[in-house]
Amino acid sequence: MSRAKRIDKRSIVEKITDIFDIPSSVLPWGMDMELRNDKEIFVTGCTGISEYSDNCVIFCGKGMKFICNGTDFELYTFADGRVKLRGTIETVHIERG
């Protein structure tokens, strides 16, 4: 009987921060975003959330913001610069500066 390989679904930023035990918020490249279909978004390198409602979330990081619009947003985790958001994601905008 063969064992199934475990698939690591973490982003490269998450893997690096775990291996070297450093917070993702100190990495020089700012934030990293990963969308999984239109129901989940993962953000690493997030230093704060400037707006949070059922239909809009603004993630802040080094020199940029990710603005997510949609419906039924629910924040699942926010620790060590990593955020997991669930809901129906309609648009994502990136602002620099």
PDB file of N, CA and C in Angstrom:
ATOM      1  N   MET A   1       0.841  -1.169   0.000  1.00  0.00           N
ATOM      2  CA  MET A   1       0.000   0.000   0.000  1.00  0.00           C
ATOM      3  C   MET A   1       0.892   1.240   0.000  1.00  0.00           C
ATOM      4  N   SER A   2       0.683   2.121  -0.937  1.00  0.00           N
ATOM      5  CA  SER A   2       1.503   3.329  -1.013  1.00  0.00           C
ATOM      6  C   SER A   2       0.832   4.466  -0.242  1.00  0.00           C
ATOM      7  N   ARG A   3       1.681   5.318   0.295  1.00  0.00           N
ATOM      8  CA  ARG A   3       1.174   6.472   1.031  1.00  0.00           C
ATOM      9  C   ARG A   3       1.071   7.654   0.077  1.00  0.00           C
ATOM     10  N   ALA A   4       0.004   8.402   0.190  1.00  0.00           N
ATOM     11  CA  ALA A   4      -0.171   9.591  -0.647  1.00  0.00           C
ATOM     12  C   ALA A   4       0.764  10.685  -0.159  1.00  0.00           C
ATOM     13  N   LYS A   5       1.352  11.393  -1.101  1.00  0.00           N
ATOM     14  CA  LYS A   5       2.221  12.506  -0.751  1.00  0.00           C
ATOM     15  C   LYS A   5       1.383  13.666  -0.247  1.00  0.00           C
ATOM     16  N   ARG A   6       1.882  14.305   0.787  1.00  0.00           N
ATOM     17  CA  ARG A   6       1.204  15.486   1.319  1.00  0.00           C
ATOM     18  C   ARG A   6       1.609  16.691   0.470  1.00  0.00           C
ATOM     19  N   ILE A   7       0.634  17.415  -0.025  1.00  0.00           N
ATOM     20  CA  ILE A   7       0.887  18.575  -0.866  1.00  0.00           C
ATOM     21  C   ILE A   7       0.907  19.817   0.012  1.00  0.00           C
ATOM     22  N   ASP A   8       1.994  20.557  -0.083  1.00  0.00           N
ATOM     23  CA  ASP A   8       2.158  21.795   0.689  1.00  0.00           C
ATOM     24  C   ASP A   8       1.579  22.937  -0.136  1.00  0.00           C
ATOM     25  N   LYS A   9       0.446  23.510   0.304  1.00  0.00           N
ATOM     26  CA  LYS A   9      -0.240  24.552  -0.451  1.00  0.00           C
ATOM     27  C   LYS A   9       0.164  25.957  -0.025  1.00  0.00           C
ATOM     28  N   ARG A  10       1.189  26.069   0.819  1.00  0.00           N
ATOM     29  CA  ARG A  10       1.627  27.387   1.259  1.00  0.00           C
ATOM     30  C   ARG A  10       2.369  28.108   0.139  1.00  0.00           C
ATOM     31  N   SER A  11       2.297  29.438   0.159  1.00  0.00           N
ATOM     32  CA  SER A  11       3.032  30.226  -0.832  1.00  0.00           C
ATOM     33  C   SER A  11       4.522  30.186  -0.499  1.00  0.00           C
ATOM     34  N   ILE A  12       5.342  30.609  -1.436  1.00  0.00           N
ATOM     35  CA  ILE A  12       6.794  30.619  -1.232  1.00  0.00           C
ATOM     36  C   ILE A  12       7.172  31.541  -0.078  1.00  0.00           C
ATOM     37  N   VAL A  13       6.455  32.645   0.066  1.00  0.00           N
ATOM     38  CA  VAL A  13       6.740  33.568   1.172  1.00  0.00           C
ATOM     39  C   VAL A  13       6.472  32.880   2.509  1.00  0.00           C
ATOM     40  N   GLU A  14       5.364  32.159   2.605  1.00  0.00           N
ATOM     41  CA  GLU A  14       5.057  31.439   3.841  1.00  0.00           C
ATOM     42  C   GLU A  14       6.114  30.386   4.147  1.00  0.00           C
ATOM     43  N   LYS A  15       6.570  29.687   3.135  1.00  0.00           N
ATOM     44  CA  LYS A  15       7.601  28.661   3.338  1.00  0.00           C
ATOM     45  C   LYS A  15       8.901  29.285   3.835  1.00  0.00           C
ATOM     46  N   ILE A  16       9.312  30.400   3.218  1.00  0.00           N
ATOM     47  CA  ILE A  16      10.563  31.073   3.625  1.00  0.00           C
ATOM     48  C   ILE A  16      10.465  31.567   5.060  1.00  0.00           C
ATOM     49  N   THR A  17       9.342  32.212   5.398  1.00  0.00           N
ATOM     50  CA  THR A  17       9.212  32.744   6.754  1.00  0.00           C
ATOM     51  C   THR A  17       9.164  31.637   7.790  1.00  0.00           C
ATOM     52  N   ASP A  18       8.584  30.497   7.444  1.00  0.00           N
ATOM     53  CA  ASP A  18       8.571  29.367   8.378  1.00  0.00           C
ATOM     54  C   ASP A  18       9.948  28.737   8.535  1.00  0.00           C
ATOM     55  N   ILE A  19      10.644  28.532   7.433  1.00  0.00           N
ATOM     56  CA  ILE A  19      11.961  27.890   7.478  1.00  0.00           C
ATOM     57  C   ILE A  19      12.954  28.717   8.289  1.00  0.00           C
ATOM     58  N   PHE A  20      12.974  30.026   8.035  1.00  0.00           N
ATOM     59  CA  PHE A  20      13.945  30.890   8.709  1.00  0.00           C
ATOM     60  C   PHE A  20      13.392  31.558   9.966  1.00  0.00           C
ATOM     61  N   ASP A  21      12.136  31.259  10.313  1.00  0.00           N
ATOM     62  CA  ASP A  21      11.508  31.765  11.529  1.00  0.00           C
ATOM     63  C   ASP A  21      11.590  33.289  11.628  1.00  0.00           C
ATOM     64  N   ILE A  22      11.161  33.948  10.544  1.00  0.00           N
ATOM     65  CA  ILE A  22      11.134  35.412  10.547  1.00  0.00           C
ATOM     66  C   ILE A  22       9.732  35.882  10.170  1.00  0.00           C
ATOM     67  N   PRO A  23       9.292  37.000  10.725  1.00  0.00           N
ATOM     68  CA  PRO A  23       7.973  37.508  10.335  1.00  0.00           C
ATOM     69  C   PRO A  23       7.971  37.982   8.892  1.00  0.00           C
ATOM     70  N   SER A  24       6.918  37.676   8.170  1.00  0.00           N
ATOM     71  CA  SER A  24       6.856  38.057   6.758  1.00  0.00           C
ATOM     72  C   SER A  24       6.810  39.569   6.575  1.00  0.00           C
ATOM     73  N   SER A  25       6.401  40.301   7.601  1.00  0.00           N
ATOM     74  CA  SER A  25       6.310  41.752   7.478  1.00  0.00           C
ATOM     75  C   SER A  25       7.676  42.427   7.372  1.00  0.00           C
ATOM     76  N   VAL A  26       8.758  41.747   7.716  1.00  0.00           N
ATOM     77  CA  VAL A  26      10.087  42.354   7.615  1.00  0.00           C
ATOM     78  C   VAL A  26      10.770  42.059   6.279  1.00  0.00           C
ATOM     79  N   LEU A  27      10.158  41.248   5.451  1.00  0.00           N
ATOM     80  CA  LEU A  27      10.748  40.921   4.157  1.00  0.00           C
ATOM     81  C   LEU A  27      10.688  42.126   3.233  1.00  0.00           C
ATOM     82  N   PRO A  28      11.709  42.328   2.403  1.00  0.00           N
ATOM     83  CA  PRO A  28      11.802  43.552   1.610  1.00  0.00           C
ATOM     84  C   PRO A  28      10.788  43.670   0.480  1.00  0.00           C
ATOM     85  N   TRP A  29      10.174  42.596   0.051  1.00  0.00           N
ATOM     86  CA  TRP A  29       9.303  42.695  -1.116  1.00  0.00           C
ATOM     87  C   TRP A  29       7.852  42.988  -0.759  1.00  0.00           C
ATOM     88  N   GLY A  30       7.564  43.337   0.460  1.00  0.00           N
ATOM     89  CA  GLY A  30       6.211  43.767   0.818  1.00  0.00           C
ATOM     90  C   GLY A  30       5.239  42.624   0.931  1.00  0.00           C
ATOM     91  N   MET A  31       4.073  42.805   0.369  1.00  0.00           N
ATOM     92  CA  MET A  31       3.001  41.821   0.527  1.00  0.00           C
ATOM     93  C   MET A  31       2.945  40.856  -0.652  1.00  0.00           C
ATOM     94  N   ASP A  32       2.373  39.710  -0.347  1.00  0.00           N
ATOM     95  CA  ASP A  32       2.157  38.668  -1.341  1.00  0.00           C
ATOM     96  C   ASP A  32       0.698  38.249  -1.218  1.00  0.00           C
ATOM     97  N   MET A  33       0.003  38.050  -2.342  1.00  0.00           N
ATOM     98  CA  MET A  33      -1.403  37.697  -2.319  1.00  0.00           C
ATOM     99  C   MET A  33      -1.623  36.433  -3.137  1.00  0.00           C
ATOM    100  N   GLU A  34      -2.466  35.571  -2.606  1.00  0.00           N
ATOM    101  CA  GLU A  34      -2.820  34.345  -3.319  1.00  0.00           C
ATOM    102  C   GLU A  34      -4.331  34.195  -3.285  1.00  0.00           C
ATOM    103  N   LEU A  35      -4.929  34.049  -4.461  1.00  0.00           N
ATOM    104  CA  LEU A  35      -6.370  33.815  -4.567  1.00  0.00           C
ATOM    105  C   LEU A  35      -6.620  32.343  -4.821  1.00  0.00           C
ATOM    106  N   ARG A  36      -7.579  31.798  -4.113  1.00  0.00           N
ATOM    107  CA  ARG A  36      -8.022  30.429  -4.393  1.00  0.00           C
ATOM    108  C   ARG A  36      -9.461  30.526  -4.838  1.00  0.00           C
ATOM    109  N   ASN A  37      -9.682  30.339  -6.092  1.00  0.00           N
ATOM    110  CA  ASN A  37     -10.946  30.593  -6.802  1.00  0.00           C
ATOM    111  C   ASN A  37     -11.468  31.965  -6.389  1.00  0.00           C
ATOM    112  N   ASP A  38     -12.756  32.148  -6.260  1.00  0.00           N
ATOM    113  CA  ASP A  38     -13.265  33.463  -5.860  1.00  0.00           C
ATOM    114  C   ASP A  38     -13.786  33.454  -4.421  1.00  0.00           C
ATOM    115  N   LYS A  39     -13.327  32.482  -3.621  1.00  0.00           N
ATOM    116  CA  LYS A  39     -13.856  32.325  -2.261  1.00  0.00           C
ATOM    117  C   LYS A  39     -12.834  32.575  -1.157  1.00  0.00           C
ATOM    118  N   GLU A  40     -11.539  32.532  -1.452  1.00  0.00           N
ATOM    119  CA  GLU A  40     -10.522  32.722  -0.422  1.00  0.00           C
ATOM    120  C   GLU A  40      -9.373  33.565  -0.948  1.00  0.00           C
ATOM    121  N   ILE A  41      -8.824  34.372  -0.054  1.00  0.00           N
ATOM    122  CA  ILE A  41      -7.628  35.140  -0.375  1.00  0.00           C
ATOM    123  C   ILE A  41      -6.679  35.014   0.812  1.00  0.00           C
ATOM    124  N   PHE A  42      -5.401  34.804   0.503  1.00  0.00           N
ATOM    125  CA  PHE A  42      -4.353  34.721   1.515  1.00  0.00           C
ATOM    126  C   PHE A  42      -3.374  35.856   1.258  1.00  0.00           C
ATOM    127  N   VAL A  43      -3.066  36.620   2.296  1.00  0.00           N
ATOM    128  CA  VAL A  43      -2.137  37.733   2.177  1.00  0.00           C
ATOM    129  C   VAL A  43      -1.023  37.540   3.196  1.00  0.00           C
ATOM    130  N   THR A  44       0.227  37.630   2.755  1.00  0.00           N
ATOM    131  CA  THR A  44       1.360  37.599   3.675  1.00  0.00           C
ATOM    132  C   THR A  44       2.077  38.949   3.568  1.00  0.00           C
ATOM    133  N   GLY A  45       2.708  39.341   4.647  1.00  0.00           N
ATOM    134  CA  GLY A  45       3.382  40.623   4.686  1.00  0.00           C
ATOM    135  C   GLY A  45       2.460  41.771   5.046  1.00  0.00           C
ATOM    136  N   CYS A  46       1.274  41.452   5.527  1.00  0.00           N
ATOM    137  CA  CYS A  46       0.290  42.469   5.889  1.00  0.00           C
ATOM    138  C   CYS A  46       0.663  43.082   7.239  1.00  0.00           C
ATOM    139  N   THR A  47       0.702  44.417   7.295  1.00  0.00           N
ATOM    140  CA  THR A  47       1.028  45.101   8.549  1.00  0.00           C
ATOM    141  C   THR A  47      -0.211  45.664   9.230  1.00  0.00           C
ATOM    142  N   GLY A  48      -1.342  45.655   8.538  1.00  0.00           N
ATOM    143  CA  GLY A  48      -2.573  46.152   9.143  1.00  0.00           C
ATOM    144  C   GLY A  48      -3.736  46.107   8.178  1.00  0.00           C
ATOM    145  N   ILE A  49      -4.929  46.310   8.729  1.00  0.00           N
ATOM    146  CA  ILE A  49      -6.146  46.371   7.930  1.00  0.00           C
ATOM    147  C   ILE A  49      -6.775  47.726   8.199  1.00  0.00           C
ATOM    148  N   SER A  50      -6.901  48.559   7.149  1.00  0.00           N
ATOM    149  CA  SER A  50      -7.422  49.903   7.356  1.00  0.00           C
ATOM    150  C   SER A  50      -8.936  49.982   7.219  1.00  0.00           C
ATOM    151  N   GLU A  51      -9.541  48.997   6.578  1.00  0.00           N
ATOM    152  CA  GLU A  51     -11.007  48.953   6.480  1.00  0.00           C
ATOM    153  C   GLU A  51     -11.456  47.507   6.462  1.00  0.00           C
ATOM    154  N   TYR A  52     -12.546  47.231   7.178  1.00  0.00           N
ATOM    155  CA  TYR A  52     -13.083  45.873   7.211  1.00  0.00           C
ATOM    156  C   TYR A  52     -14.592  45.942   7.334  1.00  0.00           C
ATOM    157  N   SER A  53     -15.285  45.412   6.346  1.00  0.00           N
ATOM    158  CA  SER A  53     -16.741  45.308   6.380  1.00  0.00           C
ATOM    159  C   SER A  53     -17.134  44.030   5.639  1.00  0.00           C
ATOM    160  N   ASP A  54     -18.430  43.787   5.539  1.00  0.00           N
ATOM    161  CA  ASP A  54     -18.903  42.590   4.831  1.00  0.00           C
ATOM    162  C   ASP A  54     -18.572  42.605   3.343  1.00  0.00           C
ATOM    163  N   ASN A  55     -18.332  43.806   2.786  1.00  0.00           N
ATOM    164  CA  ASN A  55     -18.114  43.879   1.338  1.00  0.00           C
ATOM    165  C   ASN A  55     -16.824  44.573   0.908  1.00  0.00           C
ATOM    166  N   CYS A  56     -15.972  44.997   1.860  1.00  0.00           N
ATOM    167  CA  CYS A  56     -14.695  45.617   1.496  1.00  0.00           C
ATOM    168  C   CYS A  56     -13.661  45.399   2.600  1.00  0.00           C
ATOM    169  N   VAL A  57     -12.470  44.975   2.190  1.00  0.00           N
ATOM    170  CA  VAL A  57     -11.351  44.829   3.122  1.00  0.00           C
ATOM    171  C   VAL A  57     -10.130  45.461   2.460  1.00  0.00           C
ATOM    172  N   ILE A  58      -9.416  46.302   3.216  1.00  0.00           N
ATOM    173  CA  ILE A  58      -8.199  46.919   2.703  1.00  0.00           C
ATOM    174  C   ILE A  58      -7.022  46.441   3.543  1.00  0.00           C
ATOM    175  N   PHE A  59      -6.129  45.666   2.908  1.00  0.00           N
ATOM    176  CA  PHE A  59      -4.920  45.153   3.549  1.00  0.00           C
ATOM    177  C   PHE A  59      -3.783  46.135   3.296  1.00  0.00           C
ATOM    178  N   CYS A  60      -3.049  46.504   4.328  1.00  0.00           N
ATOM    179  CA  CYS A  60      -1.937  47.447   4.193  1.00  0.00           C
ATOM    180  C   CYS A  60      -0.611  46.729   4.419  1.00  0.00           C
ATOM    181  N   GLY A  61       0.399  47.132   3.661  1.00  0.00           N
ATOM    182  CA  GLY A  61       1.736  46.573   3.800  1.00  0.00           C
ATOM    183  C   GLY A  61       2.758  47.627   3.440  1.00  0.00           C
ATOM    184  N   LYS A  62       3.978  47.194   3.230  1.00  0.00           N
ATOM    185  CA  LYS A  62       5.061  48.113   2.890  1.00  0.00           C
ATOM    186  C   LYS A  62       4.831  48.737   1.518  1.00  0.00           C
ATOM    187  N   GLY A  63       4.437  50.022   1.512  1.00  0.00           N
ATOM    188  CA  GLY A  63       4.304  50.760   0.268  1.00  0.00           C
ATOM    189  C   GLY A  63       3.181  50.336  -0.639  1.00  0.00           C
ATOM    190  N   MET A  64       2.221  49.536  -0.151  1.00  0.00           N
ATOM    191  CA  MET A  64       1.120  49.129  -1.011  1.00  0.00           C
ATOM    192  C   MET A  64      -0.105  48.741  -0.193  1.00  0.00           C
ATOM    193  N   LYS A  65      -1.242  48.715  -0.886  1.00  0.00           N
ATOM    194  CA  LYS A  65      -2.505  48.275  -0.303  1.00  0.00           C
ATOM    195  C   LYS A  65      -3.178  47.323  -1.274  1.00  0.00           C
ATOM    196  N   PHE A  66      -3.823  46.292  -0.748  1.00  0.00           N
ATOM    197  CA  PHE A  66      -4.698  45.420  -1.532  1.00  0.00           C
ATOM    198  C   PHE A  66      -6.124  45.747  -1.107  1.00  0.00           C
ATOM    199  N   ILE A  67      -6.951  46.153  -2.060  1.00  0.00           N
ATOM    200  CA  ILE A  67      -8.340  46.506  -1.779  1.00  0.00           C
ATOM    201  C   ILE A  67      -9.226  45.427  -2.374  1.00  0.00           C
ATOM    202  N   CYS A  68      -9.925  44.690  -1.522  1.00  0.00           N
ATOM    203  CA  CYS A  68     -10.774  43.580  -1.953  1.00  0.00           C
ATOM    204  C   CYS A  68     -12.234  43.962  -1.790  1.00  0.00           C
ATOM    205  N   ASN A  69     -13.002  43.798  -2.862  1.00  0.00           N
ATOM    206  CA  ASN A  69     -14.443  44.049  -2.826  1.00  0.00           C
ATOM    207  C   ASN A  69     -15.177  42.762  -3.134  1.00  0.00           C
ATOM    208  N   GLY A  70     -16.315  42.575  -2.487  1.00  0.00           N
ATOM    209  CA  GLY A  70     -17.107  41.377  -2.692  1.00  0.00           C
ATOM    210  C   GLY A  70     -18.259  41.327  -1.711  1.00  0.00           C
ATOM    211  N   THR A  71     -18.630  40.133  -1.294  1.00  0.00           N
ATOM    212  CA  THR A  71     -19.736  39.961  -0.360  1.00  0.00           C
ATOM    213  C   THR A  71     -19.402  38.898   0.684  1.00  0.00           C
ATOM    214  N   ASP A  72     -20.062  39.012   1.820  1.00  0.00           N
ATOM    215  CA  ASP A  72     -19.980  38.013   2.906  1.00  0.00           C
ATOM    216  C   ASP A  72     -18.558  37.760   3.391  1.00  0.00           C
ATOM    217  N   PHE A  73     -17.742  38.808   3.501  1.00  0.00           N
ATOM    218  CA  PHE A  73     -16.362  38.639   3.949  1.00  0.00           C
ATOM    219  C   PHE A  73     -16.304  38.253   5.423  1.00  0.00           C
ATOM    220  N   GLU A  74     -15.389  37.345   5.703  1.00  0.00           N
ATOM    221  CA  GLU A  74     -15.138  36.901   7.074  1.00  0.00           C
ATOM    222  C   GLU A  74     -13.641  36.678   7.227  1.00  0.00           C
ATOM    223  N   LEU A  75     -13.054  37.359   8.194  1.00  0.00           N
ATOM    224  CA  LEU A  75     -11.629  37.235   8.470  1.00  0.00           C
ATOM    225  C   LEU A  75     -11.406  35.970   9.294  1.00  0.00           C
ATOM    226  N   TYR A  76     -10.602  35.025   8.783  1.00  0.00           N
ATOM    227  CA  TYR A  76     -10.380  33.783   9.500  1.00  0.00           C
ATOM    228  C   TYR A  76      -9.142  33.830  10.378  1.00  0.00           C
ATOM    229  N   THR A  77      -8.052  34.348   9.860  1.00  0.00           N
ATOM    230  CA  THR A  77      -6.841  34.442  10.666  1.00  0.00           C
ATOM    231  C   THR A  77      -6.112  35.742  10.351  1.00  0.00           C
ATOM    232  N   PHE A  78      -5.405  36.237  11.355  1.00  0.00           N
ATOM    233  CA  PHE A  78      -4.525  37.387  11.165  1.00  0.00           C
ATOM    234  C   PHE A  78      -3.460  37.280  12.241  1.00  0.00           C
ATOM    235  N   ALA A  79      -2.315  36.745  11.873  1.00  0.00           N
ATOM    236  CA  ALA A  79      -1.208  36.566  12.812  1.00  0.00           C
ATOM    237  C   ALA A  79       0.097  36.563  12.050  1.00  0.00           C
ATOM    238  N   ASP A  80       1.120  37.193  12.623  1.00  0.00           N
ATOM    239  CA  ASP A  80       2.461  37.220  12.031  1.00  0.00           C
ATOM    240  C   ASP A  80       2.460  37.709  10.585  1.00  0.00           C
ATOM    241  N   GLY A  81       1.631  38.694  10.287  1.00  0.00           N
ATOM    242  CA  GLY A  81       1.601  39.254   8.942  1.00  0.00           C
ATOM    243  C   GLY A  81       0.867  38.414   7.921  1.00  0.00           C
ATOM    244  N   ARG A  82       0.182  37.368   8.371  1.00  0.00           N
ATOM    245  CA  ARG A  82      -0.566  36.484   7.468  1.00  0.00           C
ATOM    246  C   ARG A  82      -2.051  36.634   7.720  1.00  0.00           C
ATOM    247  N   VAL A  83      -2.806  36.770   6.641  1.00  0.00           N
ATOM    248  CA  VAL A  83      -4.245  36.962   6.752  1.00  0.00           C
ATOM    249  C   VAL A  83      -4.949  35.987   5.822  1.00  0.00           C
ATOM    250  N   LYS A  84      -6.043  35.412   6.321  1.00  0.00           N
ATOM    251  CA  LYS A  84      -6.890  34.561   5.492  1.00  0.00           C
ATOM    252  C   LYS A  84      -8.297  35.150   5.527  1.00  0.00           C
ATOM    253  N   LEU A  85      -8.837  35.433   4.338  1.00  0.00           N
ATOM    254  CA  LEU A  85     -10.158  36.031   4.207  1.00  0.00           C
ATOM    255  C   LEU A  85     -11.022  35.118   3.356  1.00  0.00           C
ATOM    256  N   ARG A  86     -12.251  34.914   3.808  1.00  0.00           N
ATOM    257  CA  ARG A  86     -13.209  34.121   3.027  1.00  0.00           C
ATOM    258  C   ARG A  86     -14.418  34.970   2.695  1.00  0.00           C
ATOM    259  N   GLY A  87     -15.053  34.661   1.605  1.00  0.00           N
ATOM    260  CA  GLY A  87     -16.240  35.357   1.119  1.00  0.00           C
ATOM    261  C   GLY A  87     -16.264  35.229  -0.395  1.00  0.00           C
ATOM    262  N   THR A  88     -17.129  35.975  -1.026  1.00  0.00           N
ATOM    263  CA  THR A  88     -17.172  35.987  -2.488  1.00  0.00           C
ATOM    264  C   THR A  88     -16.391  37.203  -2.968  1.00  0.00           C
ATOM    265  N   ILE A  89     -15.254  36.957  -3.583  1.00  0.00           N
ATOM    266  CA  ILE A  89     -14.360  38.033  -4.014  1.00  0.00           C
ATOM    267  C   ILE A  89     -14.731  38.433  -5.440  1.00  0.00           C
ATOM    268  N   GLU A  90     -15.055  39.711  -5.608  1.00  0.00           N
ATOM    269  CA  GLU A  90     -15.448  40.213  -6.923  1.00  0.00           C
ATOM    270  C   GLU A  90     -14.312  40.962  -7.606  1.00  0.00           C
ATOM    271  N   THR A  91     -13.611  41.827  -6.871  1.00  0.00           N
ATOM    272  CA  THR A  91     -12.497  42.568  -7.452  1.00  0.00           C
ATOM    273  C   THR A  91     -11.369  42.720  -6.419  1.00  0.00           C
ATOM    274  N   VAL A  92     -10.152  42.831  -6.940  1.00  0.00           N
ATOM    275  CA  VAL A  92      -8.989  43.134  -6.115  1.00  0.00           C
ATOM    276  C   VAL A  92      -8.219  44.230  -6.833  1.00  0.00           C
ATOM    277  N   HIS A  93      -7.944  45.312  -6.113  1.00  0.00           N
ATOM    278  CA  HIS A  93      -7.158  46.432  -6.649  1.00  0.00           C
ATOM    279  C   HIS A  93      -5.877  46.559  -5.838  1.00  0.00           C
ATOM    280  N   ILE A  94      -4.823  46.955  -6.511  1.00  0.00           N
ATOM    281  CA  ILE A  94      -3.540  47.170  -5.841  1.00  0.00           C
ATOM    282  C   ILE A  94      -3.183  48.643  -5.963  1.00  0.00           C
ATOM    283  N   GLU A  95      -2.898  49.258  -4.818  1.00  0.00           N
ATOM    284  CA  GLU A  95      -2.452  50.644  -4.800  1.00  0.00           C
ATOM    285  C   GLU A  95      -1.036  50.676  -4.279  1.00  0.00           C
ATOM    286  N   ARG A  96      -0.191  51.434  -4.925  1.00  0.00           N
ATOM    287  CA  ARG A  96       1.195  51.588  -4.484  1.00  0.00           C
ATOM    288  C   ARG A  96       1.397  52.990  -3.944  1.00  0.00           C
ATOM    289  N   GLY A  97       2.334  53.076  -2.994  1.00  0.00           N
ATOM    290  CA  GLY A  97       2.684  54.394  -2.461  1.00  0.00           C
ATOM    291  C   GLY A  97       2.130  54.699  -1.114  1.00  0.00           C
TER     292      GLY A  97
END
